[in-house]
Amino acid sequence: MTSKGGFLLSFDVEEWFHANYDAMTPEPPQGQDDRLMDNIRTILELCAENKARATFFILGRTAERHPGLVETIRDDGHEIASHGFSHKPVSSMTSKEFEADLDRSLDVLRTRAGTEIVGYRAPSWSVRRDMNWFFDILENRGFLYDSSLFPAKTYLYGDNRTPRFPFRIGRLLEIPPSTLSFGRRRMPFSGGAAFRVWPYALLRAGLARFERRNRPGIVYLHPREVDSGGPRLSLPLRDRIVHYAGLKTARKKLSRLLAAFPFISFRDYMDSLPNDTP
């Protein structure tokens, strides 16, 4: 497809206990997340200060539990997209189960946002390229893009065979998160644990590399990642490191990146593509 640069900002809006590690019990603790709205307001303030627009992939269940969440984000000029409803991995669902989860999410988000929802991101990057039924369902529901395929292999998810840059699956545009490539090795850097752990200089240099190649550089975080004082899950050491390492510096690094680069939403990026983009 035609290359197109830009810096895309996204947040997966879910609560502090939403995760999909193998060691977790089927029903994680579900106490009210009293810090979520404060974290959202922190993110919105950082965006406003730097004139950044973002896409918020919101979990339907979280939107239900927090009245005003979707409206607050929408009213600040950001895009509302779907993160599903239950935070159950898509790869563990049947096509019928996924359809029900997706439709329940859309009912919640459309009602609160008052707009069509055209973007989706699976919980925990839980989609494989061979899950054709997943992409067919999104396309049939009128989605324009997806951001669920992770183009680097980790112990949790991902596949090195996934293209690193946006590509078409039917009419749907797949927008994978950004990774750096060193020969055959691919390294996540601009979201989640990698964002929290790597130094700011590497984050900035990585995004600058995408800019030089006229490719979209994508930042992806959760609201809990701008808050080092939130509640914590009881996890084995490896999972605990992945989930919590670097929390104390993430907010500052995000603020510096928003000041250094102009960020847009995924929908803004879609709208910037030529009409004849294959």
Foldseek 3Di string as FASTA:
>chain_A
DDFAEAAAEEEEEDAQQQDDDPPDDPDTDDDDRPCRVVLVVLVLVLCVVLVAEHEYAYAQQVCVSDPPPLVVNVVSPYHYAHQWHPLDQPLVDDLVVRLVRRVSSQVRNCVRNVDHHAEYEYRQLRDDPPPLSVVVSSVVSRHAEYARAECADDPRDHDVVDDQAWDDDDRYIYGYAHWDDDPSHTGDAAEALNVLPDDLVVNVVSSVVCVVVNTYHYHYYYSCLQPLPGDHDDDPPVVCSRHRHNSVCNNVSVSVVSNVGHYYYPVVVVVPDDPPDD
